[in-house]
N, C-alpha and C. Protein backbone atom coordinates (compact mmCIF):
# COMPACT_ATOMS: atom_id res chain seq x y z
N MET A 1 23.51 3.98 9.06
CA MET A 1 23.90 3.60 7.94
C MET A 1 23.54 3.92 6.74
N HIS A 2 22.51 4.50 6.35
CA HIS A 2 22.05 5.43 5.46
C HIS A 2 21.82 6.95 5.59
N GLU A 3 22.12 7.39 4.74
CA GLU A 3 21.71 9.07 5.20
C GLU A 3 20.28 9.56 4.88
N GLU A 4 19.81 10.55 5.87
CA GLU A 4 18.51 10.58 5.91
C GLU A 4 17.90 11.05 4.71
N ASN A 5 18.45 11.62 3.49
CA ASN A 5 17.76 12.25 2.59
C ASN A 5 17.66 10.84 1.49
N ILE A 6 18.11 9.92 1.57
CA ILE A 6 18.18 8.63 0.97
C ILE A 6 17.33 7.66 1.11
N GLU A 7 16.34 7.49 0.18
CA GLU A 7 14.99 6.70 0.27
C GLU A 7 15.61 4.98 -0.23
N LEU A 8 15.05 4.31 0.33
CA LEU A 8 15.23 2.98 0.17
C LEU A 8 14.04 2.37 -0.68
N ALA A 9 14.10 1.75 -1.71
CA ALA A 9 12.58 1.37 -2.67
C ALA A 9 13.46 0.07 -2.89
N ILE A 10 12.19 -0.92 -2.92
CA ILE A 10 12.29 -2.54 -3.46
C ILE A 10 11.44 -2.58 -4.30
N LYS A 11 11.88 -3.18 -5.43
CA LYS A 11 10.82 -3.39 -6.51
C LYS A 11 10.43 -5.15 -6.08
N VAL A 12 9.38 -5.57 -6.03
CA VAL A 12 8.93 -6.71 -5.75
C VAL A 12 7.99 -6.84 -6.81
N VAL A 13 8.00 -8.17 -7.96
CA VAL A 13 7.06 -8.75 -8.56
C VAL A 13 6.33 -10.15 -7.89
N VAL A 14 5.06 -9.81 -8.23
CA VAL A 14 4.15 -10.55 -7.66
C VAL A 14 3.75 -11.60 -8.59
N VAL A 15 3.66 -12.82 -9.27
CA VAL A 15 3.39 -13.85 -10.25
C VAL A 15 2.74 -15.10 -9.74
N GLY A 16 2.48 -15.79 -10.58
CA GLY A 16 1.68 -16.88 -10.10
C GLY A 16 0.82 -16.55 -11.46
N ASN A 17 -0.41 -18.36 -11.28
CA ASN A 17 -1.52 -18.25 -12.40
C ASN A 17 -2.35 -17.56 -12.26
N GLY A 18 -2.98 -17.10 -13.17
CA GLY A 18 -4.29 -16.59 -13.33
C GLY A 18 -5.14 -16.73 -12.26
N GLY A 19 -6.03 -15.89 -11.13
CA GLY A 19 -7.00 -16.29 -10.61
C GLY A 19 -6.74 -16.47 -9.17
N VAL A 20 -5.49 -16.60 -9.14
CA VAL A 20 -4.69 -16.96 -7.30
C VAL A 20 -5.15 -16.02 -6.17
N GLY A 21 -5.46 -15.10 -6.87
CA GLY A 21 -5.55 -13.88 -6.14
C GLY A 21 -4.00 -12.79 -5.82
N LYS A 22 -3.68 -12.73 -6.59
CA LYS A 22 -2.28 -11.50 -7.01
C LYS A 22 -2.81 -10.04 -6.88
N SER A 23 -3.95 -9.99 -7.63
CA SER A 23 -4.34 -8.29 -7.47
C SER A 23 -4.79 -8.50 -6.44
N SER A 24 -6.10 -8.80 -5.85
CA SER A 24 -6.60 -8.75 -4.52
C SER A 24 -5.80 -8.59 -3.89
N MET A 25 -4.13 -9.59 -3.28
CA MET A 25 -3.56 -9.41 -2.16
C MET A 25 -2.50 -7.98 -2.44
N ILE A 26 -2.22 -7.62 -3.65
CA ILE A 26 -1.48 -6.21 -3.83
C ILE A 26 -2.87 -5.11 -3.15
N GLN A 27 -3.88 -5.09 -3.75
CA GLN A 27 -4.85 -4.21 -3.50
C GLN A 27 -5.26 -4.09 -1.82
N ARG A 28 -5.31 -5.47 -1.61
CA ARG A 28 -5.53 -5.47 0.49
C ARG A 28 -4.11 -4.96 1.30
N TYR A 29 -2.92 -5.21 0.46
CA TYR A 29 -1.93 -4.59 1.27
C TYR A 29 -1.55 -3.02 1.35
N CYS A 30 -1.91 -2.54 -0.26
CA CYS A 30 -1.82 -1.25 -0.38
C CYS A 30 -2.71 -0.21 0.15
N LYS A 31 -3.85 -0.82 -0.51
CA LYS A 31 -5.11 -0.26 0.08
C LYS A 31 -6.11 -0.47 1.17
N GLY A 32 -5.65 -1.45 1.70
CA GLY A 32 -6.78 -1.84 2.70
C GLY A 32 -8.16 -2.55 2.07
N ILE A 33 -8.20 -3.07 1.16
CA ILE A 33 -9.78 -3.11 0.18
C ILE A 33 -9.71 -4.86 -0.08
N TYR A 34 -10.99 -5.24 -0.37
CA TYR A 34 -10.78 -6.31 -1.03
C TYR A 34 -12.05 -6.38 -1.88
N THR A 35 -12.22 -6.88 -3.05
CA THR A 35 -13.29 -7.33 -3.82
C THR A 35 -13.64 -8.66 -4.29
N ASN A 36 -14.66 -9.34 -4.10
CA ASN A 36 -14.88 -10.42 -4.64
C ASN A 36 -15.25 -10.60 -6.39
N ASP A 37 -14.89 -9.27 -6.90
CA ASP A 37 -14.75 -9.76 -8.55
C ASP A 37 -13.45 -9.99 -9.26
N TYR A 38 -13.51 -10.83 -9.96
CA TYR A 38 -12.22 -11.22 -10.26
C TYR A 38 -12.24 -10.37 -11.96
N LYS A 39 -10.74 -9.63 -12.02
CA LYS A 39 -10.68 -8.69 -13.34
C LYS A 39 -9.42 -9.28 -13.52
N LYS A 40 -9.28 -10.18 -14.90
CA LYS A 40 -8.07 -10.08 -15.42
C LYS A 40 -6.88 -9.36 -15.38
N THR A 41 -5.60 -8.94 -14.72
CA THR A 41 -4.84 -8.27 -15.19
C THR A 41 -4.00 -8.34 -16.75
N ILE A 42 -4.05 -7.35 -17.81
CA ILE A 42 -3.49 -7.44 -18.76
C ILE A 42 -2.20 -6.68 -18.39
N GLY A 43 -1.35 -7.70 -18.95
CA GLY A 43 0.12 -7.30 -18.73
C GLY A 43 0.66 -6.94 -17.40
N VAL A 44 0.84 -5.87 -17.19
CA VAL A 44 1.59 -5.30 -15.53
C VAL A 44 0.41 -4.39 -14.94
N ASP A 45 0.32 -4.67 -13.27
CA ASP A 45 -0.25 -3.44 -12.56
C ASP A 45 0.81 -2.85 -11.66
N PHE A 46 0.59 -1.36 -11.31
CA PHE A 46 1.49 -1.40 -10.15
C PHE A 46 1.17 -0.75 -9.19
N MET A 47 1.70 -0.94 -7.81
CA MET A 47 1.16 -0.04 -6.29
C MET A 47 2.30 0.12 -5.89
N GLU A 48 2.05 0.75 -4.60
CA GLU A 48 3.16 1.12 -3.70
C GLU A 48 3.05 1.32 -2.39
N ARG A 49 3.85 0.87 -1.27
CA ARG A 49 3.55 1.35 -0.01
C ARG A 49 4.79 1.52 0.53
N GLN A 50 4.64 2.45 1.55
CA GLN A 50 5.99 2.92 2.59
C GLN A 50 5.49 2.19 3.83
N ILE A 51 6.42 1.42 3.79
CA ILE A 51 6.97 0.86 5.74
C ILE A 51 8.09 1.39 6.57
N GLU A 52 8.32 0.61 7.37
CA GLU A 52 9.52 0.95 8.28
C GLU A 52 10.01 -0.40 8.67
N ILE A 53 11.54 -0.74 8.24
CA ILE A 53 12.21 -1.73 8.95
C ILE A 53 13.63 -1.37 9.34
N ASN A 54 13.03 -1.84 10.60
CA ASN A 54 14.78 -1.42 11.44
C ASN A 54 15.02 -0.05 11.78
N GLY A 55 13.72 0.92 11.37
CA GLY A 55 14.16 2.09 11.80
C GLY A 55 14.14 2.94 10.21
N GLU A 56 14.44 2.27 9.38
CA GLU A 56 14.78 2.89 7.94
C GLU A 56 13.28 2.77 7.37
N ASP A 57 12.80 4.10 6.53
CA ASP A 57 11.89 4.07 5.57
C ASP A 57 12.26 3.28 4.53
N ILE A 58 11.27 2.40 4.03
CA ILE A 58 11.28 1.73 2.75
C ILE A 58 10.29 1.75 1.69
N ARG A 59 10.02 2.08 0.59
CA ARG A 59 8.88 2.19 -0.01
C ARG A 59 9.00 0.69 -1.21
N ILE A 60 8.29 -0.01 -0.81
CA ILE A 60 7.79 -1.28 -1.32
C ILE A 60 7.09 -0.90 -2.81
N MET A 61 7.52 -1.19 -4.05
CA MET A 61 7.17 -0.92 -4.91
C MET A 61 6.86 -2.31 -5.49
N LEU A 62 5.03 -2.50 -5.92
CA LEU A 62 4.73 -3.92 -6.15
C LEU A 62 4.11 -4.27 -7.92
N TRP A 63 4.71 -4.95 -7.91
CA TRP A 63 4.67 -5.16 -9.47
C TRP A 63 3.58 -6.24 -10.06
N ASP A 64 2.16 -6.45 -10.04
CA ASP A 64 1.28 -7.09 -10.27
C ASP A 64 1.18 -7.52 -11.73
N THR A 65 1.68 -9.09 -12.05
CA THR A 65 1.84 -9.47 -13.30
C THR A 65 0.54 -10.59 -13.81
N ALA A 66 0.43 -10.49 -15.05
CA ALA A 66 -0.22 -11.32 -15.64
C ALA A 66 -0.54 -12.73 -15.36
N GLY A 67 -0.86 -13.55 -15.27
CA GLY A 67 -0.84 -15.39 -15.11
C GLY A 67 -1.03 -16.14 -16.44
N GLN A 68 -1.59 -14.98 -17.10
CA GLN A 68 -1.99 -16.20 -18.53
C GLN A 68 -0.62 -16.32 -19.57
N GLU A 69 -0.49 -17.15 -20.19
CA GLU A 69 0.60 -17.32 -20.81
C GLU A 69 0.67 -16.55 -21.99
N GLU A 70 0.02 -16.00 -22.59
CA GLU A 70 -0.16 -15.08 -23.84
C GLU A 70 0.26 -13.54 -23.61
N PHE A 71 0.70 -13.24 -21.96
CA PHE A 71 1.05 -12.07 -21.51
C PHE A 71 2.65 -12.11 -21.33
N ASP A 72 3.43 -13.44 -21.37
CA ASP A 72 4.46 -13.70 -20.76
C ASP A 72 5.71 -12.51 -21.52
N ALA A 73 5.62 -12.15 -23.38
CA ALA A 73 6.49 -11.52 -23.66
C ALA A 73 6.47 -10.38 -23.07
N ILE A 74 5.02 -9.53 -22.48
CA ILE A 74 5.07 -8.34 -21.74
C ILE A 74 5.61 -8.25 -20.49
N THR A 75 5.25 -9.36 -19.58
CA THR A 75 5.62 -9.30 -18.39
C THR A 75 6.98 -9.71 -17.65
N LYS A 76 7.90 -10.17 -18.56
CA LYS A 76 9.15 -10.67 -18.39
C LYS A 76 9.90 -9.49 -18.38
N ALA A 77 9.53 -8.42 -19.32
CA ALA A 77 10.38 -6.94 -19.11
C ALA A 77 10.36 -6.17 -17.54
N TYR A 78 9.30 -6.61 -17.18
CA TYR A 78 8.92 -6.19 -16.13
C TYR A 78 9.39 -6.78 -14.98
N TYR A 79 9.96 -8.29 -15.18
CA TYR A 79 10.50 -8.81 -14.26
C TYR A 79 12.05 -8.27 -13.57
N ARG A 80 12.89 -7.45 -15.13
CA ARG A 80 14.14 -7.27 -14.83
C ARG A 80 14.37 -5.93 -14.13
N GLY A 81 15.32 -6.28 -13.05
CA GLY A 81 15.62 -5.08 -11.90
C GLY A 81 14.74 -5.59 -10.78
N ALA A 82 13.84 -6.44 -10.82
CA ALA A 82 13.48 -6.75 -9.20
C ALA A 82 14.07 -7.53 -8.24
N GLN A 83 13.90 -6.90 -6.92
CA GLN A 83 14.75 -7.39 -5.84
C GLN A 83 14.34 -8.50 -5.01
N ALA A 84 12.72 -8.81 -5.22
CA ALA A 84 12.20 -9.95 -4.71
C ALA A 84 11.06 -10.11 -4.92
N CYS A 85 10.65 -11.70 -5.09
CA CYS A 85 9.23 -11.74 -5.71
C CYS A 85 8.41 -12.71 -5.07
N VAL A 86 7.35 -12.57 -5.08
CA VAL A 86 5.96 -13.45 -4.36
C VAL A 86 5.66 -14.43 -5.72
N LEU A 87 5.81 -15.63 -5.20
CA LEU A 87 5.09 -16.74 -6.09
C LEU A 87 3.97 -17.36 -5.36
N ALA A 88 2.73 -17.08 -5.95
CA ALA A 88 1.49 -17.39 -5.53
C ALA A 88 0.90 -18.54 -6.21
N PHE A 89 -0.07 -19.56 -5.37
CA PHE A 89 -0.98 -20.03 -5.59
C PHE A 89 -2.05 -20.23 -4.88
N SER A 90 -3.24 -20.84 -5.61
CA SER A 90 -4.59 -21.06 -4.61
C SER A 90 -4.60 -22.49 -3.99
N THR A 91 -5.16 -22.27 -3.02
CA THR A 91 -5.36 -23.54 -2.39
C THR A 91 -6.34 -24.74 -2.87
N THR A 92 -7.07 -24.00 -3.94
CA THR A 92 -7.81 -24.74 -4.61
C THR A 92 -7.82 -25.14 -5.95
N ASP A 93 -6.70 -24.55 -6.52
CA ASP A 93 -5.80 -24.65 -7.87
C ASP A 93 -4.71 -25.84 -7.87
N LYS A 94 -5.11 -26.89 -8.23
CA LYS A 94 -3.65 -27.34 -8.43
C LYS A 94 -2.72 -27.26 -9.11
N ASN A 95 -3.49 -26.75 -10.69
CA ASN A 95 -2.36 -26.37 -11.62
C ASN A 95 -1.69 -25.14 -11.21
N SER A 96 -1.72 -24.04 -10.76
CA SER A 96 -1.22 -22.93 -9.67
C SER A 96 0.07 -23.83 -8.99
N PHE A 97 -0.14 -24.25 -8.31
CA PHE A 97 0.38 -25.44 -7.31
C PHE A 97 1.50 -25.85 -8.28
N ASP A 98 1.44 -26.69 -9.35
CA ASP A 98 2.17 -27.00 -10.00
C ASP A 98 3.03 -26.22 -10.80
N ALA A 99 2.53 -25.07 -11.12
CA ALA A 99 3.35 -24.09 -11.86
C ALA A 99 4.20 -23.27 -11.19
N LEU A 100 4.45 -23.19 -9.64
CA LEU A 100 5.48 -22.50 -8.84
C LEU A 100 6.69 -22.86 -9.57
N TRP A 101 7.44 -24.11 -9.89
CA TRP A 101 8.70 -24.38 -10.35
C TRP A 101 8.83 -23.39 -11.72
N ASP A 102 7.66 -23.32 -12.69
CA ASP A 102 7.98 -22.65 -13.89
C ASP A 102 8.14 -20.90 -13.63
N TRP A 103 7.16 -20.64 -12.41
CA TRP A 103 7.33 -19.02 -12.27
C TRP A 103 8.58 -18.67 -11.50
N LYS A 104 9.36 -19.54 -10.71
CA LYS A 104 10.35 -19.30 -10.39
C LYS A 104 11.77 -19.41 -11.10
N ARG A 105 11.41 -20.37 -12.03
CA ARG A 105 12.49 -20.35 -13.00
C ARG A 105 12.24 -19.07 -14.32
N LYS A 106 11.27 -18.75 -14.54
CA LYS A 106 11.19 -17.56 -15.59
C LYS A 106 11.72 -16.30 -14.87
N VAL A 107 11.36 -15.90 -13.48
CA VAL A 107 11.78 -14.78 -12.47
C VAL A 107 13.65 -14.74 -12.56
N GLU A 108 13.79 -16.09 -12.31
CA GLU A 108 15.42 -15.89 -12.23
C GLU A 108 16.09 -16.00 -13.46
N ASN A 109 15.39 -16.63 -14.65
CA ASN A 109 15.88 -15.96 -15.94
C ASN A 109 16.33 -14.84 -16.16
N GLU A 110 15.49 -13.53 -15.75
CA GLU A 110 15.66 -12.19 -15.74
C GLU A 110 16.12 -11.63 -14.67
N CYS A 111 16.29 -12.20 -14.05
CA CYS A 111 16.94 -11.73 -12.26
C CYS A 111 17.98 -12.44 -11.39
N GLY A 112 18.08 -13.34 -11.57
CA GLY A 112 18.88 -14.23 -11.17
C GLY A 112 18.32 -14.66 -9.89
N ILE A 113 19.43 -14.77 -8.42
CA ILE A 113 18.52 -15.25 -7.37
C ILE A 113 18.40 -14.08 -6.76
N ILE A 114 17.05 -13.79 -6.38
CA ILE A 114 16.69 -12.74 -5.28
C ILE A 114 15.77 -13.52 -4.17
N PRO A 115 15.73 -12.70 -3.20
CA PRO A 115 14.68 -13.23 -2.06
C PRO A 115 13.43 -13.78 -2.70
N MET A 116 12.99 -14.86 -2.42
CA MET A 116 11.20 -15.19 -2.78
C MET A 116 10.63 -15.59 -1.43
N VAL A 117 9.33 -15.68 -1.59
CA VAL A 117 8.34 -16.30 -0.86
C VAL A 117 7.42 -16.80 -1.51
N ILE A 118 6.68 -18.14 -1.08
CA ILE A 118 5.94 -18.95 -1.55
C ILE A 118 4.60 -18.61 -1.15
N VAL A 119 3.42 -17.92 -1.50
CA VAL A 119 2.44 -17.92 -1.11
C VAL A 119 1.20 -18.27 -1.32
N GLN A 120 0.76 -19.42 -0.26
CA GLN A 120 -0.58 -19.88 -0.50
C GLN A 120 -1.78 -19.38 0.07
N ASN A 121 -2.32 -18.56 -1.23
CA ASN A 121 -3.55 -17.95 -1.06
C ASN A 121 -4.50 -18.90 -0.35
N LYS A 122 -5.69 -18.39 -0.12
CA LYS A 122 -7.47 -18.42 0.35
C LYS A 122 -7.13 -19.99 1.03
N ILE A 123 -6.50 -19.63 2.16
CA ILE A 123 -6.62 -20.59 3.44
C ILE A 123 -8.02 -20.66 3.72
N ASP A 124 -8.84 -19.86 3.70
CA ASP A 124 -9.90 -19.78 4.28
C ASP A 124 -11.17 -20.88 3.15
N LEU A 125 -10.48 -21.33 2.43
CA LEU A 125 -10.99 -22.33 1.91
C LEU A 125 -10.46 -23.97 1.83
N ILE A 126 -9.71 -23.85 2.96
CA ILE A 126 -8.97 -25.12 3.40
C ILE A 126 -9.71 -26.36 3.23
N SER A 127 -11.12 -26.47 3.43
CA SER A 127 -11.96 -27.51 3.03
C SER A 127 -12.00 -28.12 2.18
N CYS A 128 -11.27 -27.16 0.95
CA CYS A 128 -11.53 -27.26 -0.24
C CYS A 128 -10.31 -27.64 -1.16
N ALA A 129 -9.33 -27.86 -0.28
CA ALA A 129 -7.81 -27.86 -0.72
C ALA A 129 -7.44 -28.81 -1.71
N VAL A 130 -6.75 -28.82 -2.60
CA VAL A 130 -6.18 -29.86 -3.60
C VAL A 130 -5.06 -30.37 -3.39
N VAL A 131 -4.34 -29.67 -2.51
CA VAL A 131 -2.92 -30.08 -2.15
C VAL A 131 -2.85 -30.72 -0.34
N THR A 132 -2.29 -31.11 0.07
CA THR A 132 -2.17 -31.37 1.30
C THR A 132 -0.73 -30.55 1.63
N GLN A 133 -0.77 -30.26 3.11
CA GLN A 133 -0.12 -29.17 3.57
C GLN A 133 1.45 -29.81 3.48
N ASP A 134 1.51 -31.53 3.68
CA ASP A 134 3.18 -31.73 3.61
C ASP A 134 3.45 -31.49 1.88
N GLU A 135 2.55 -31.59 1.05
CA GLU A 135 2.88 -31.32 -0.25
C GLU A 135 3.46 -29.98 -0.17
N VAL A 136 2.89 -29.07 0.01
CA VAL A 136 3.21 -27.51 0.30
C VAL A 136 4.65 -27.43 0.77
N LYS A 137 4.62 -27.83 2.07
CA LYS A 137 6.04 -27.82 2.75
C LYS A 137 7.09 -28.55 1.58
N SER A 138 6.63 -29.35 1.36
CA SER A 138 7.90 -30.33 0.73
C SER A 138 8.49 -29.43 -0.60
N THR A 139 7.53 -28.64 -1.34
CA THR A 139 7.89 -28.07 -2.34
C THR A 139 8.35 -26.52 -2.17
N ALA A 140 7.93 -26.15 -1.26
CA ALA A 140 8.66 -25.05 -0.71
C ALA A 140 10.02 -25.50 -0.37
N LEU A 141 10.44 -26.28 0.40
CA LEU A 141 11.51 -26.58 0.88
C LEU A 141 12.64 -27.11 -0.53
N LYS A 142 11.89 -27.64 -1.59
CA LYS A 142 12.69 -28.16 -2.39
C LYS A 142 12.95 -26.98 -3.44
N LEU A 143 12.30 -25.98 -3.51
CA LEU A 143 12.73 -24.51 -3.92
C LEU A 143 13.08 -23.58 -3.51
N GLY A 144 13.58 -24.10 -2.10
CA GLY A 144 14.27 -23.16 -1.31
C GLY A 144 13.52 -21.73 -0.82
N CYS A 145 12.51 -22.02 -0.76
CA CYS A 145 11.82 -20.51 -0.42
C CYS A 145 10.86 -20.70 1.12
N HIS A 146 10.84 -19.64 1.64
CA HIS A 146 10.12 -19.41 2.45
C HIS A 146 8.61 -19.60 2.50
N LEU A 147 7.70 -20.13 3.05
CA LEU A 147 6.30 -20.40 2.96
C LEU A 147 5.23 -19.69 3.92
N ILE A 148 4.50 -18.86 3.55
CA ILE A 148 3.60 -18.08 4.28
C ILE A 148 1.91 -18.52 3.45
N ARG A 149 1.07 -18.91 4.63
CA ARG A 149 -0.23 -19.14 3.91
C ARG A 149 -0.84 -17.95 4.61
N THR A 150 -2.02 -17.56 3.19
CA THR A 150 -2.66 -16.59 3.57
C THR A 150 -4.11 -16.39 3.06
N SER A 151 -5.07 -15.39 3.36
CA SER A 151 -6.36 -15.76 2.92
C SER A 151 -6.23 -14.01 2.76
N VAL A 152 -6.44 -13.57 1.67
CA VAL A 152 -6.59 -11.95 0.91
C VAL A 152 -8.03 -11.65 1.62
N LYS A 153 -8.87 -12.49 1.37
CA LYS A 153 -10.38 -12.37 2.03
C LYS A 153 -10.31 -11.94 3.33
N GLU A 154 -10.33 -12.78 4.18
CA GLU A 154 -9.94 -12.69 5.35
C GLU A 154 -8.63 -12.03 6.02
N ASP A 155 -8.20 -11.02 5.33
CA ASP A 155 -6.89 -10.21 5.38
C ASP A 155 -6.08 -11.15 6.82
N ILE A 156 -5.33 -12.26 6.48
CA ILE A 156 -4.86 -13.48 7.32
C ILE A 156 -3.24 -13.21 6.25
N ASN A 157 -2.30 -12.77 7.11
CA ASN A 157 -0.84 -13.04 7.25
C ASN A 157 -0.22 -12.08 5.34
N VAL A 158 -1.24 -11.29 5.37
CA VAL A 158 -0.89 -10.52 3.88
C VAL A 158 0.15 -9.54 4.33
N VAL A 159 -0.09 -9.10 5.23
CA VAL A 159 1.12 -7.74 5.79
C VAL A 159 2.70 -8.81 6.05
N GLN A 160 2.40 -10.33 6.55
CA GLN A 160 3.75 -10.62 6.71
C GLN A 160 4.58 -11.04 5.44
N VAL A 161 3.98 -11.36 4.54
CA VAL A 161 4.32 -11.50 3.31
C VAL A 161 5.27 -10.57 2.96
N PHE A 162 5.01 -9.26 2.91
CA PHE A 162 5.62 -8.45 2.25
C PHE A 162 6.85 -7.70 3.26
N ARG A 163 6.08 -7.96 4.47
CA ARG A 163 7.37 -7.51 5.55
C ARG A 163 8.65 -8.53 5.51
N TYR A 164 8.26 -9.85 5.27
CA TYR A 164 9.11 -10.65 5.11
C TYR A 164 10.23 -10.41 4.31
N LEU A 165 9.72 -10.07 2.98
CA LEU A 165 10.52 -9.87 1.61
C LEU A 165 11.19 -8.59 1.83
N ALA A 166 10.95 -7.21 2.80
CA ALA A 166 11.16 -6.34 2.81
C ALA A 166 12.47 -6.16 3.77
N SER A 167 12.27 -7.43 4.46
CA SER A 167 13.67 -7.66 5.75
C SER A 167 14.42 -8.06 5.37
N GLN A 168 14.14 -9.52 4.07
CA GLN A 168 15.27 -10.29 3.48
C GLN A 168 16.12 -9.23 2.45
N CYS A 169 15.30 -8.23 1.97
CA CYS A 169 15.97 -7.07 0.94
C CYS A 169 17.05 -6.22 1.64
N PHE A 170 16.59 -5.58 2.88
CA PHE A 170 17.27 -4.76 3.90
C PHE A 170 18.73 -5.64 4.18
N ASP A 171 18.13 -7.11 4.41
CA ASP A 171 19.86 -7.82 4.88
C ASP A 171 20.90 -7.69 3.73
N VAL A 172 20.17 -8.12 2.76
CA VAL A 172 20.97 -8.13 1.43
C VAL A 172 21.51 -6.67 1.25
N MET A 173 20.95 -5.94 1.33
CA MET A 173 21.49 -4.54 1.35
C MET A 173 22.66 -4.17 1.83
N ASN A 174 22.20 -4.04 3.40
CA ASN A 174 23.09 -4.40 4.38
C ASN A 174 24.60 -5.18 3.96
N LEU A 175 24.32 -6.24 3.70
CA LEU A 175 25.65 -7.11 3.59
C LEU A 175 26.23 -6.41 2.48
N LYS A 176 25.49 -6.31 1.35
CA LYS A 176 26.52 -5.40 0.34
C LYS A 176 27.10 -4.44 0.93
N ALA A 177 26.56 -3.39 1.08
CA ALA A 177 26.91 -2.00 1.68
C ALA A 177 28.39 -2.55 2.69
N ASN A 178 28.47 -3.72 3.27
CA ASN A 178 29.24 -3.85 4.20
C ASN A 178 30.45 -4.31 3.58
N ASN A 179 30.01 -5.10 2.80
CA ASN A 179 31.21 -5.87 1.69
C ASN A 179 31.96 -4.80 0.77
N THR A 180 31.01 -3.62 0.29
CA THR A 180 31.39 -2.56 -0.03
C THR A 180 32.60 -1.77 0.76
N LEU A 181 32.22 -1.63 1.60
CA LEU A 181 33.31 -0.94 2.76
C LEU A 181 34.40 -1.57 2.70
N LEU A 182 34.69 -2.94 3.35
CA LEU A 182 35.45 -3.97 3.28
C LEU A 182 36.66 -3.55 2.13
N ASP A 183 36.03 -4.07 0.97
CA ASP A 183 36.50 -3.70 -0.36
C ASP A 183 37.29 -2.46 -0.34
N SER A 184 36.42 -1.28 -0.03
CA SER A 184 36.96 0.15 0.06
C SER A 184 38.11 0.17 0.80
N ASN A 185 38.11 -0.45 2.08
CA ASN A 185 39.20 -0.11 3.02
C ASN A 185 40.50 -1.20 2.50
N LYS A 186 40.29 -2.09 1.88
CA LYS A 186 41.04 -3.10 1.36
C LYS A 186 41.95 -2.42 0.30
N GLN A 187 41.14 -1.97 -0.71
CA GLN A 187 41.73 -1.06 -1.67
C GLN A 187 42.78 0.30 -1.02
N TYR A 188 42.17 1.13 0.07
CA TYR A 188 42.64 2.37 0.76
C TYR A 188 43.91 1.46 1.29
N ASN A 189 44.12 0.58 1.87
CA ASN A 189 45.43 -0.24 2.66
C ASN A 189 46.23 -0.22 1.60
N GLN A 190 45.71 -0.98 0.46
CA GLN A 190 46.95 -1.60 -0.39
C GLN A 190 47.66 0.03 -1.10
N ILE A 191 46.77 1.04 -1.59
CA ILE A 191 47.26 2.17 -1.80
C ILE A 191 48.33 2.68 -0.95
N GLN A 192 47.78 2.84 0.25
CA GLN A 192 48.67 3.08 1.33
C GLN A 192 49.79 2.45 1.15
N ARG A 193 50.08 1.16 1.43
CA ARG A 193 51.07 0.58 1.52
C ARG A 193 52.34 1.06 0.31
N LYS A 194 51.38 1.11 -0.88
CA LYS A 194 52.21 1.29 -2.12
C LYS A 194 52.86 2.90 -1.73
N ARG A 195 52.20 3.71 -1.38
CA ARG A 195 52.88 4.93 -1.15
C ARG A 195 53.77 4.99 -0.30
N ASP A 196 53.57 4.25 1.04
CA ASP A 196 54.47 4.42 2.05
C ASP A 196 55.68 3.64 1.54
N LYS A 197 55.91 2.74 0.27
CA LYS A 197 56.85 2.32 -0.21
C LYS A 197 57.56 3.02 -0.67
N ARG A 198 56.68 3.64 -1.54
CA ARG A 198 57.46 4.66 -2.54
C ARG A 198 58.11 5.95 -1.79
N ILE A 199 57.50 5.88 -0.71
CA ILE A 199 58.14 7.21 0.46
C ILE A 199 59.50 6.74 0.60
N ALA A 200 59.35 5.62 1.35
CA ALA A 200 60.46 5.01 1.99
C ALA A 200 62.06 5.05 0.79
N LEU A 201 61.66 4.45 -0.33
CA LEU A 201 62.45 4.61 -1.63
C LEU A 201 63.28 5.54 -1.78
N HIS A 202 62.54 6.73 -1.63
CA HIS A 202 63.02 8.18 -1.99
C HIS A 202 63.52 8.86 -0.46
N SER A 203 63.42 8.17 0.64
CA SER A 203 63.95 8.94 1.86
C SER A 203 65.50 8.82 2.27
N PRO A 204 66.26 9.74 2.55
CA PRO A 204 67.48 10.06 2.79
C PRO A 204 68.18 8.90 3.46
N ALA A 205 67.35 8.69 4.66
CA ALA A 205 67.71 7.04 5.24
C ALA A 205 67.87 5.82 4.77
N TYR A 206 66.90 5.56 3.41
CA TYR A 206 66.96 4.49 2.68
C TYR A 206 68.07 4.72 1.73
N SER A 207 68.37 6.09 1.26
CA SER A 207 69.41 5.87 0.31
C SER A 207 70.74 6.00 1.05
N CYS A 208 71.18 6.11 2.17
CA CYS A 208 71.83 5.66 2.80
C CYS A 208 72.41 4.55 3.40
N SER A 209 71.36 3.83 3.67
CA SER A 209 71.55 2.46 4.01
C SER A 209 71.80 1.91 2.45
N LEU A 210 71.52 2.01 1.51
CA LEU A 210 71.67 1.51 0.06
C LEU A 210 72.99 1.64 -0.02
N LYS A 211 73.64 2.58 0.10
CA LYS A 211 74.98 3.04 0.10
C LYS A 211 75.82 2.27 0.80
N GLN A 212 75.32 1.60 2.31
CA GLN A 212 76.25 1.00 3.14
C GLN A 212 76.47 -0.06 2.46
N ASN A 213 75.30 -0.83 1.96
CA ASN A 213 75.16 -2.00 1.49
C ASN A 213 75.97 -2.04 0.13
N MET A 214 76.11 -1.22 -0.43
CA MET A 214 76.84 -1.55 -1.58
C MET A 214 78.25 -1.35 -1.35
N LYS A 215 79.08 -0.66 -0.30
CA LYS A 215 80.11 -0.69 0.20
C LYS A 215 80.65 -2.21 0.68
N VAL A 216 79.61 -2.52 1.66
CA VAL A 216 79.79 -3.80 2.06
C VAL A 216 79.82 -4.89 0.99
N LYS A 217 79.24 -4.71 0.00
CA LYS A 217 79.34 -5.83 -0.82
C LYS A 217 80.68 -5.64 -1.86
N LYS A 218 81.50 -4.13 -2.07
CA LYS A 218 82.20 -4.32 -3.05
C LYS A 218 83.59 -5.02 -1.69
N CYS A 219 83.47 -4.83 -0.28
CA CYS A 219 84.44 -5.14 0.50
C CYS A 219 84.53 -6.75 0.41
N VAL A 220 83.46 -7.36 0.40
CA VAL A 220 83.57 -8.86 0.30
C VAL A 220 84.04 -9.13 -0.98
N ILE A 221 83.70 -8.41 -1.86
CA ILE A 221 83.94 -9.01 -3.26
C ILE A 221 85.79 -8.96 -3.21
């Protein structure tokens, strides 16, 4: 489908309240490292990783956005052009769970409808959970998002999050490419029909047929 020299790139924004593990998730995925030290993201940060989906090389560009409200004006500008989104919350933070609706709305206000996944992080602390599994499933269903439970600390399901989004985006790109091809074929066929009609109008056979029809009409009159 794609030329060998064309690189596929997907912009993914990772959003959610501060302290849910967004930066740690991206570092774990891109660098394979984890640290317990929490450092608040100021504005946005950026990392990337190359993966393969269905035999295609895809570069995933991950934009780590600050979860604090004071950075909203900055981070919103970086949502634009995103093709996928991670909505992250913490198993031990009820406010981050309740805020999922707002985060989804903020991203869609800038990007429209794009593939999204809800990530419940820190499942290694499930004994301290402040939301039930049924609550999480219900919210994911209402928001129309796939749900993946992760532990960045224990490296559980982190890779699955971004492979899922990459696969969703790849399918969207294939669909758009196929629709574009169908539209192009339709336009080509319409042009061909018009061209054939013009050729027929100027052909000797058509002129002769037209004269004969005119003679018949005169006789009838």
